């Protein structure tokens, strides 16, 4: 949800990447690119497979790749629908100005594992989710979520279910996906009624829903109740059964959770108290354990961390800082169990609402809401340094970037 909207209502509001990655983020400060080598203890299945993350891949990317952009259509200066552009995987240059119309307020996007269908939220009072065929950009239809201000969605790894979170009503929903990619009638709607909302928060605010890397559980992050809920999804009936809850400290306002590729740790951005935490995940029980609060690296008096992105090899994590207008860079250590803050770089615009890595991890995209730009950075595989890839790309009220 837009932070200005959320702040008025409680204290006063992509990645997504393609295929499997779409289903799938405090130490001494410093400047980006200042560390000489990969941090020790940052091994992961991807990291141990090669000598360094900067070693050439078996198959270098070639030709332009799709990049979809989310926006708000109902605000002044907003877009007209889902932006359709392309990016060069080598230079990072974004081109094109296509548009998928007929989808109001598509503020968050996700793609089906087979790449043939794009899904968008409709962040409005009557929340909804929409399916779009990528081959010809045909809108396959929309379904009501049963909640208000749908702000985030994700496709279950099996490709049969779409999960969504409604910020305004504090609800999460499930819709079936048929063979064409179109959505069926809702099969589940769960309201986060307990625990009671945190200080200054008038109700629950579900901000994210995602499937754990092992596929065993669905997690829902609720900013209003300061809770991450763990569910089991019945993959035949499409229903959700709660199995565990993890609580932040009161008033933290958890917003977005991103898993390390190893699957046992995840990184939580808390937007109200401007902190992040390392979380451990138990696959057998679905229980998440939230660690101590850590610094976002922000220097601004007011800052709202938005979300993490983690490199495919699990060695580095990046955090979008709204207000500070920076991207914080962390070394990931102890197989995902530790984050060490390395420094920050300007996000390439104002109020970076969301960020996403290209599937190969070579580029980082920042959706800068208030400046209406998408920043692009080259990611140095040796030290996680970020180097700007040309001038930011203009995009009206850019709130989500989805590189495929």
Protein backbone atom coordinates (compact mmCIF):
# COMPACT_ATOMS: atom_id res chain seq x y z
CA UNK A 1 0.00 0.00 0.00
CA UNK A 2 1.16 3.55 -0.60
CA UNK A 3 2.95 4.68 2.56
CA UNK A 4 1.26 8.06 2.62
CA UNK A 5 -2.14 6.31 2.60
CA UNK A 6 -1.08 3.89 5.32
CA UNK A 7 0.42 6.57 7.54
CA UNK A 8 -2.79 8.60 7.46
CA UNK A 9 -4.73 5.52 8.48
CA UNK A 10 -2.51 4.25 11.22
CA UNK A 11 -0.16 6.80 12.60
CA UNK A 12 -1.53 9.91 11.60
CA UNK A 13 0.00 3.25 2.41
CA UNK A 14 6.97 -7.20 -7.29
CA UNK A 15 10.09 -9.80 -7.56
CA UNK A 16 8.96 -10.30 -8.44
CA UNK A 17 11.02 -12.06 -11.00
CA UNK A 18 10.13 -14.66 -13.59
CA UNK A 19 9.52 -18.35 -13.06
CA UNK A 20 10.66 -19.90 -9.81
CA UNK A 21 12.22 -16.68 -8.53
CA UNK A 22 8.85 -14.96 -8.75
CA UNK A 23 7.56 -17.57 -6.34
CA UNK A 24 10.24 -17.09 -4.31
CA UNK A 25 15.98 -10.26 -0.70
CA UNK A 26 24.25 -4.63 11.66
CA UNK A 27 27.59 -3.97 10.93
CA UNK A 28 29.94 -1.23 9.94
CA UNK A 29 28.54 1.23 7.41
CA UNK A 30 30.31 2.14 4.22
CA UNK A 31 29.86 3.04 0.60
CA UNK A 32 28.58 0.59 -1.96
CA UNK A 33 31.35 -1.35 -3.59
CA UNK A 34 33.76 -0.71 -0.71
CA UNK A 35 34.27 -4.31 0.43
CA UNK A 36 37.08 -6.14 -1.37
CA UNK A 37 35.60 -9.61 -1.73
CA UNK A 38 32.68 -11.92 -1.01
CA UNK A 39 32.00 -12.06 2.73
CA UNK A 40 33.00 -15.25 4.50
CA UNK A 41 30.21 -17.55 5.54
CA UNK A 42 27.91 -16.44 2.73
CA UNK A 43 27.85 -19.79 1.02
CA UNK A 44 24.67 -21.18 -0.45
CA UNK A 45 23.87 -23.85 -3.05
CA UNK A 46 24.27 -21.22 -5.77
CA UNK A 47 27.40 -19.69 -4.29
CA UNK A 48 29.32 -22.96 -3.92
CA UNK A 49 28.67 -23.99 -7.48
CA UNK A 50 31.12 -21.43 -8.88
CA UNK A 51 34.35 -19.77 -7.83
CA UNK A 52 32.81 -16.29 -7.77
CA UNK A 53 29.42 -14.80 -8.56
CA UNK A 54 31.05 -12.70 -11.26
CA UNK A 55 32.23 -15.75 -13.24
CA UNK A 56 30.55 -15.97 -16.65
CA UNK A 57 27.32 -17.92 -16.69
CA UNK A 58 27.04 -21.00 -18.87
CA UNK A 59 24.77 -19.07 -21.20
CA UNK A 60 24.99 -15.29 -21.37
CA UNK A 61 21.69 -13.41 -21.72
CA UNK A 62 21.00 -12.12 -25.20
CA UNK A 63 18.40 -9.78 -26.65
CA UNK A 64 15.89 -7.59 -24.86
CA UNK A 65 13.82 -9.05 -22.03
CA UNK A 66 10.28 -8.06 -20.92
CA UNK A 67 9.84 -5.57 -18.09
CA UNK A 68 6.35 -4.87 -16.76
CA UNK A 69 5.64 -1.78 -14.66
CA UNK A 70 2.90 -1.26 -12.08
CA UNK A 71 1.32 2.10 -11.25
CA UNK A 72 -1.71 3.83 -9.77
CA UNK A 73 -4.22 4.94 -12.39
CA UNK A 74 -6.51 6.83 -10.00
CA UNK A 75 -3.99 9.41 -8.75
CA UNK A 76 -2.89 12.64 -10.38
CA UNK A 77 -0.04 11.99 -12.80
CA UNK A 78 -0.56 8.23 -12.64
CA UNK A 79 -0.37 5.76 -15.48
CA UNK A 80 -3.10 4.34 -17.70
CA UNK A 81 -2.50 0.68 -16.92
CA UNK A 82 0.33 -1.85 -16.79
CA UNK A 83 3.46 -0.51 -18.48
CA UNK A 84 5.04 -2.79 -21.09
CA UNK A 85 8.73 -2.17 -21.73
CA UNK A 86 11.92 -4.15 -22.33
CA UNK A 87 15.40 -4.08 -20.86
CA UNK A 88 18.79 -5.02 -22.24
CA UNK A 89 20.25 -7.63 -19.82
CA UNK A 90 23.79 -6.44 -20.56
CA UNK A 91 23.50 -2.63 -20.59
CA UNK A 92 20.40 -2.37 -18.40
CA UNK A 93 18.83 0.13 -20.80
CA UNK A 94 15.01 0.22 -20.71
CA UNK A 95 13.08 0.90 -23.92
CA UNK A 96 9.46 0.94 -25.06
CA UNK A 97 6.28 2.58 -23.87
CA UNK A 98 3.53 0.01 -24.38
CA UNK A 99 0.47 -0.20 -22.13
CA UNK A 100 -2.05 -2.83 -21.05
CA UNK A 101 -5.22 -0.86 -20.34
CA UNK A 102 -8.39 -1.98 -18.62
CA UNK A 103 -6.65 -2.81 -15.31
CA UNK A 104 -7.26 -0.06 -12.72
CA UNK A 105 -4.58 0.67 -10.11
CA UNK A 106 -2.28 -2.29 -10.96
CA UNK A 107 0.18 -1.51 -8.15
CA UNK A 108 1.71 -4.99 -7.87
CA UNK A 109 2.46 -7.67 -10.47
CA UNK A 110 3.45 -11.34 -10.59
CA UNK A 111 3.91 -13.91 -13.34
CA UNK A 112 2.83 -17.54 -13.68
CA UNK A 113 5.68 -20.10 -13.52
CA UNK A 114 5.19 -20.90 -17.21
CA UNK A 115 5.55 -17.21 -18.11
CA UNK A 116 2.35 -17.15 -20.15
CA UNK A 117 0.16 -15.17 -17.77
CA UNK A 118 0.69 -11.93 -15.87
CA UNK A 119 -1.31 -11.17 -12.73
CA UNK A 120 -2.06 -7.73 -11.29
CA UNK A 121 -3.81 -6.41 -8.20
CA UNK A 122 -6.49 -3.76 -8.37
CA UNK A 123 -5.69 -1.64 -5.33
CA UNK A 124 -9.15 -0.14 -4.86
CA UNK A 125 -11.90 -0.10 -2.24
CA UNK A 126 -13.35 -3.19 -3.88
CA UNK A 127 -10.20 -5.25 -4.21
CA UNK A 128 -9.65 -7.51 -7.18
CA UNK A 129 -7.03 -9.50 -9.08
CA UNK A 130 -6.64 -9.62 -12.88
CA UNK A 131 -5.07 -12.11 -15.31
CA UNK A 132 -3.41 -10.98 -18.57
CA UNK A 133 -2.07 -13.27 -21.32
CA UNK A 134 1.49 -12.18 -22.06
CA UNK A 135 1.61 -13.32 -25.70
CA UNK A 136 -0.99 -10.84 -26.95
CA UNK A 137 -1.67 -8.75 -23.79
CA UNK A 138 -5.32 -9.84 -23.68
CA UNK A 139 -7.01 -9.29 -20.33
CA UNK A 140 -8.46 -12.68 -19.34
CA UNK A 141 -10.72 -11.24 -16.66
CA UNK A 142 -10.78 -10.14 -13.03
CA UNK A 143 -12.05 -11.62 -9.79
CA UNK A 144 -13.02 -9.85 -6.59
CA UNK A 145 -10.87 -10.78 -3.60
CA UNK A 146 -13.63 -10.07 -1.09
CA UNK A 147 -11.42 -7.48 0.63
CA UNK A 148 -10.36 -3.87 0.19
CA UNK A 149 -7.27 -2.33 -1.41
CA UNK A 150 -5.60 -5.47 -2.71
CA UNK A 151 -1.90 -4.58 -2.56
CA UNK A 152 0.13 -7.73 -3.26
CA UNK A 153 -0.18 -11.16 -4.85
CA UNK A 154 1.84 -14.28 -5.61
CA UNK A 155 1.43 -17.45 -7.64
CA UNK A 156 1.77 -20.74 -5.76
CA UNK A 157 4.73 -22.76 -7.18
CA UNK A 158 2.42 -25.42 -8.59
CA UNK A 159 0.79 -22.78 -10.78
CA UNK A 160 -2.78 -23.71 -9.77
CA UNK A 161 -3.50 -21.03 -7.17
CA UNK A 162 -3.21 -17.25 -6.93
CA UNK A 163 -2.71 -15.81 -3.43
CA UNK A 164 -3.48 -12.17 -2.63
CA UNK A 165 -3.34 -9.74 0.30
CA UNK A 166 -5.84 -6.95 1.01
CA UNK A 167 -4.33 -4.04 2.90
CA UNK A 168 -7.52 -2.14 3.66
CA UNK A 169 -9.44 -5.06 5.17
CA UNK A 170 -6.61 -7.15 6.58
CA UNK A 171 -7.64 -10.19 4.55
CA UNK A 172 -5.92 -12.78 2.37
CA UNK A 173 -7.58 -14.67 -0.46
CA UNK A 174 -7.05 -17.65 -2.78
CA UNK A 175 -8.24 -18.02 -6.40
CA UNK A 176 -7.86 -21.05 -8.68
CA UNK A 177 -5.95 -20.71 -11.94
CA UNK A 178 -7.22 -22.74 -14.91
CA UNK A 179 -5.21 -24.20 -17.79
CA UNK A 180 -5.49 -20.94 -19.79
CA UNK A 181 -4.13 -18.87 -16.90
CA UNK A 182 -7.52 -17.31 -16.17
CA UNK A 183 -8.83 -17.04 -12.62
CA UNK A 184 -11.80 -18.85 -11.09
CA UNK A 185 -14.05 -17.85 -8.22
CA UNK A 186 -12.42 -17.30 -4.85
CA UNK A 187 -11.95 -20.46 -2.73
CA UNK A 188 -10.73 -18.84 0.50
CA UNK A 189 -10.90 -15.54 2.37
CA UNK A 190 -9.25 -15.19 5.78
CA UNK A 191 -9.46 -12.08 8.00
CA UNK A 192 -6.66 -11.27 10.43
CA UNK A 193 -8.76 -10.50 13.51
CA UNK A 194 -6.21 -11.46 16.18
CA UNK A 195 -4.05 -10.22 17.78
CA UNK A 196 -5.38 -6.72 18.35
CA UNK A 197 -3.90 -4.02 16.11
CA UNK A 198 -0.68 -2.39 17.28
CA UNK A 199 -0.22 1.14 18.65
CA UNK A 200 -1.79 3.78 16.40
CA UNK A 201 -3.15 1.15 14.00
CA UNK A 202 -6.91 0.98 13.69
CA UNK A 203 -7.12 -2.50 12.20
CA UNK A 204 -5.33 -5.34 10.43
CA UNK A 205 -3.45 -4.52 7.22
CA UNK A 206 -2.34 -7.57 5.24
CA UNK A 207 0.57 -6.33 3.17
CA UNK A 208 2.04 -9.48 1.63
CA UNK A 209 1.36 -13.16 1.00
CA UNK A 210 3.95 -15.65 -0.24
CA UNK A 211 4.74 -19.35 -0.41
CA UNK A 212 7.77 -20.65 1.48
CA UNK A 213 10.61 -21.97 -0.71
CA UNK A 214 9.86 -25.58 0.24
CA UNK A 215 6.26 -25.08 -0.89
CA UNK A 216 4.94 -26.37 2.42
CA UNK A 217 3.40 -23.20 3.83
CA UNK A 218 1.89 -19.86 2.92
CA UNK A 219 2.97 -16.82 4.95
CA UNK A 220 1.02 -13.58 5.31
CA UNK A 221 2.65 -10.41 6.63
CA UNK A 222 0.23 -8.06 8.44
CA UNK A 223 1.42 -4.53 9.18
CA UNK A 224 -1.55 -3.68 11.40
CA UNK A 225 -1.33 -6.63 13.79
CA UNK A 226 2.50 -6.80 13.84
CA UNK A 227 2.24 -10.47 12.90
CA UNK A 228 3.39 -12.96 10.26
CA UNK A 229 0.77 -15.72 9.92
CA UNK A 230 1.67 -19.23 8.71
CA UNK A 231 -0.93 -21.25 6.80
CA UNK A 232 -1.21 -24.60 5.10
CA UNK A 233 -2.81 -24.48 1.67
CA UNK A 234 -5.08 -27.36 0.75
CA UNK A 235 -4.03 -27.78 -2.86
CA UNK A 236 -7.20 -29.59 -3.81
CA UNK A 237 -9.75 -27.28 -2.19
CA UNK A 238 -7.77 -24.02 -2.22
CA UNK A 239 -8.41 -23.32 1.47
CA UNK A 240 -6.05 -21.94 4.13
CA UNK A 241 -5.57 -23.34 7.65
CA UNK A 242 -3.56 -21.31 10.17
CA UNK A 243 -0.74 -23.25 11.85
CA UNK A 244 1.48 -20.61 13.53
CA UNK A 245 2.03 -16.91 14.22
CA UNK A 246 5.18 -14.86 14.66
CA UNK A 247 5.02 -11.43 16.31
CA UNK A 248 7.28 -8.43 15.90
CA UNK A 249 7.60 -5.94 18.73
CA UNK A 250 4.47 -3.74 19.04
CA UNK A 251 4.34 -0.95 16.49
CA UNK A 252 7.04 -2.35 14.20
CA UNK A 253 4.69 -2.52 11.22
CA UNK A 254 6.05 -5.54 9.25
CA UNK A 255 5.60 -4.98 5.53
CA UNK A 256 7.50 -7.45 3.35
CA UNK A 257 9.39 -10.74 3.79
CA UNK A 258 12.01 -12.09 1.37
CA UNK A 259 13.56 -15.56 1.63
CA UNK A 260 17.21 -16.46 1.25
CA UNK A 261 17.73 -19.07 -1.53
CA UNK A 262 18.69 -21.64 1.10
CA UNK A 263 15.10 -21.60 2.34
CA UNK A 264 15.78 -21.54 6.09
CA UNK A 265 16.12 -17.78 6.62
CA UNK A 266 14.20 -14.72 5.48
CA UNK A 267 14.54 -10.96 5.82
CA UNK A 268 11.69 -8.83 7.14
CA UNK A 269 11.28 -5.09 6.45
CA UNK A 270 9.29 -3.23 9.14
CA UNK A 271 8.13 0.10 7.77
CA UNK A 272 6.69 1.79 10.87
CA UNK A 273 9.72 1.53 13.18
CA UNK A 274 12.29 1.67 10.32
CA UNK A 275 14.03 -1.64 11.09
CA UNK A 276 14.80 -4.99 9.48
CA UNK A 277 15.13 -8.45 11.01
CA UNK A 278 16.56 -11.83 10.09
CA UNK A 279 13.94 -14.56 10.53
CA UNK A 280 14.42 -18.32 10.76
CA UNK A 281 11.88 -20.71 9.22
CA UNK A 282 11.05 -24.24 10.38
CA UNK A 283 9.73 -26.25 7.39
CA UNK A 284 8.17 -28.96 9.56
CA UNK A 285 5.92 -26.64 11.58
CA UNK A 286 5.75 -23.59 9.33
CA UNK A 287 6.82 -21.45 12.26
CA UNK A 288 8.78 -18.26 11.65
CA UNK A 289 11.03 -16.86 14.38
CA UNK A 290 11.75 -13.15 14.09
CA UNK A 291 15.21 -11.97 15.15
CA UNK A 292 16.33 -8.72 16.72
CA UNK A 293 15.74 -5.40 14.91
CA UNK A 294 18.64 -4.11 12.79
CA UNK A 295 19.46 -0.85 11.03
CA UNK A 296 18.19 0.04 7.56
CA UNK A 297 21.18 2.31 7.03
CA UNK A 298 18.87 5.30 6.51
CA UNK A 299 20.08 8.73 7.52
CA UNK A 300 16.80 10.60 6.91
CA UNK A 301 14.68 11.57 9.92
CA UNK A 302 11.71 9.74 8.40
CA UNK A 303 12.19 6.49 6.52
CA UNK A 304 9.91 3.60 5.56
CA UNK A 305 11.78 0.46 4.44
CA UNK A 306 9.82 -1.26 1.70
CA UNK A 307 11.30 -4.64 0.77
CA UNK A 308 14.39 -6.79 0.29
CA UNK A 309 15.78 -8.48 -2.80
CA UNK A 310 18.39 -11.24 -2.42
CA UNK A 311 20.90 -12.21 -5.10
CA UNK A 312 20.37 -15.69 -6.62
CA UNK A 313 23.59 -16.97 -5.02
CA UNK A 314 22.40 -15.74 -1.61
CA UNK A 315 25.51 -13.63 -0.98
CA UNK A 316 23.98 -10.13 -0.89
CA UNK A 317 20.68 -8.49 0.01
CA UNK A 318 19.33 -5.09 -1.01
CA UNK A 319 16.69 -3.01 0.76
CA UNK A 320 14.54 -0.18 -0.64
CA UNK A 321 14.45 2.81 1.75
CA UNK A 322 11.55 5.22 1.13
CA UNK A 323 12.17 8.66 2.61
CA UNK A 324 15.92 8.16 2.69
CA UNK A 325 15.59 7.40 -1.06
CA UNK A 326 18.40 4.87 -0.97
CA UNK A 327 19.12 1.20 -1.52
CA UNK A 328 20.86 -0.39 1.44
CA UNK A 329 23.38 -3.14 0.67
CA UNK A 330 23.98 -6.06 3.05
CA UNK A 331 26.43 -8.93 3.07
CA UNK A 332 24.62 -12.18 3.82
CA UNK A 333 26.63 -14.38 6.17
CA UNK A 334 26.40 -17.74 7.99
CA UNK A 335 24.40 -19.38 5.19
CA UNK A 336 21.71 -16.72 5.45
CA UNK A 337 21.52 -16.37 9.25
CA UNK A 338 23.19 -12.93 9.41
CA UNK A 339 22.94 -9.59 7.61
CA UNK A 340 25.85 -7.16 7.75
CA UNK A 341 25.12 -3.62 6.59
CA UNK A 342 27.68 -2.42 4.04
CA UNK A 343 26.26 0.97 3.07
CA UNK A 344 23.68 2.71 0.89
CA UNK A 345 23.44 4.25 -2.58
CA UNK A 346 20.84 6.70 -3.99
CA UNK A 347 17.87 4.83 -5.46
CA UNK A 348 17.79 6.80 -8.71
CA UNK A 349 14.62 8.65 -7.72
CA UNK A 350 12.27 9.58 -4.90
CA UNK A 351 10.46 7.11 -2.62
CA UNK A 352 11.59 3.67 -3.90
CA UNK A 353 8.41 1.68 -3.35
CA UNK A 354 9.73 -1.63 -4.69
CA UNK A 355 12.85 -3.23 -6.11
CA UNK A 356 13.56 -6.38 -8.09
CA UNK A 357 16.54 -8.27 -9.48
CA UNK A 358 16.74 -9.59 -13.01
CA UNK A 359 16.51 -13.41 -13.06
CA UNK A 360 20.31 -13.75 -13.42
CA UNK A 361 20.91 -11.27 -10.59
CA UNK A 362 22.98 -8.96 -12.78
CA UNK A 363 20.63 -5.97 -12.65
CA UNK A 364 18.65 -4.32 -9.87
CA UNK A 365 15.54 -2.26 -10.68
CA UNK A 366 14.05 0.37 -8.34
CA UNK A 367 10.48 1.63 -8.76
CA UNK A 368 10.59 5.22 -7.50
CA UNK A 369 7.01 6.24 -6.82
CA UNK A 370 7.16 9.98 -6.23
CA UNK A 371 9.65 10.83 -8.96
CA UNK A 372 7.97 8.54 -11.50
CA UNK A 373 11.16 6.77 -12.48
CA UNK A 374 12.66 3.29 -12.63
CA UNK A 375 16.32 3.16 -11.67
CA UNK A 376 18.61 0.41 -13.00
CA UNK A 377 21.87 -0.73 -11.42
CA UNK A 378 24.54 -3.23 -12.38
CA UNK A 379 25.21 -5.64 -9.50
CA UNK A 380 28.88 -6.51 -8.97
CA UNK A 381 29.01 -10.23 -8.18
CA UNK A 382 32.33 -9.86 -6.36
CA UNK A 383 31.22 -7.45 -3.63
CA UNK A 384 27.54 -6.69 -4.22
CA UNK A 385 28.39 -3.15 -5.31
CA UNK A 386 25.78 -1.19 -7.26
CA UNK A 387 26.69 0.89 -10.32
CA UNK A 388 24.04 2.98 -12.05
CA UNK A 389 23.16 1.82 -15.56
CA UNK A 390 22.43 5.13 -17.22
CA UNK A 391 19.68 7.62 -16.42
CA UNK A 392 16.47 6.48 -14.67
CA UNK A 393 13.61 5.51 -16.99
CA UNK A 394 10.50 7.76 -16.75
CA UNK A 395 7.34 5.89 -15.75
CA UNK A 396 4.27 7.58 -14.21
CA UNK A 397 3.95 6.82 -10.45
CA UNK A 398 6.25 3.79 -10.71
CA UNK A 399 5.38 1.44 -7.85
CA UNK A 400 6.38 -1.98 -9.20
CA UNK A 401 8.97 -3.31 -11.65
CA UNK A 402 8.76 -6.91 -12.83
CA UNK A 403 11.74 -8.01 -15.00
CA UNK A 404 11.40 -11.40 -16.73
